[in-house]
Amino acid sequence: MSSSRPIRVVMAKAGLDGHDRGVKVVSAILRDAGMEVIYLGPFQTSQSIVQAAIEEDADVIGLSSLSGEHLSFTPKVVKLLKENKVGDILLIMGGVIPVEDIPALQEMGVAQIFTAGSLTQSITDFIEKNVKRKG
């Protein structure tokens, strides 16, 4: 879809997960692909992530999880997106996520989960093909 502005992606680490090397690498890759990336840093709450996405008029939220907290914070993010009527923001996730958790995350509303070792091109391609542009 064409637009007058780049795709805006809010990247975040939720909960007590402070390991942020991977999310920083993915953020740089998305920037190199022409996207505008707002990285919130580690230790974010579900509320701070959704609020930032609203304030930044984001097209995408990228959640990074290495701590195993993904099944507790993801439903909160999805609920807040719906409550704030911004459920059209594409929600993706990456990190160390057990394969057996992927169906539950997708049922919650995560559009795609990129596990460790995913090809970077697959991330940019997925976003470009699935984002609902706002501007």
Foldseek 3Di string as FASTA:
>chain_A
DDDPAAAEEEEEEEAPDQDCPVVVVLQVLLVVVVHHYHYPHYHDALVVQLVVCVVVVHQEYEYEDDDPCCVPRLLVNCVVCVVVVNNLRAYEYEEADDPVCVVVSVVSPHPYYHYPPRDSVVVNVVCVVRTDDDD
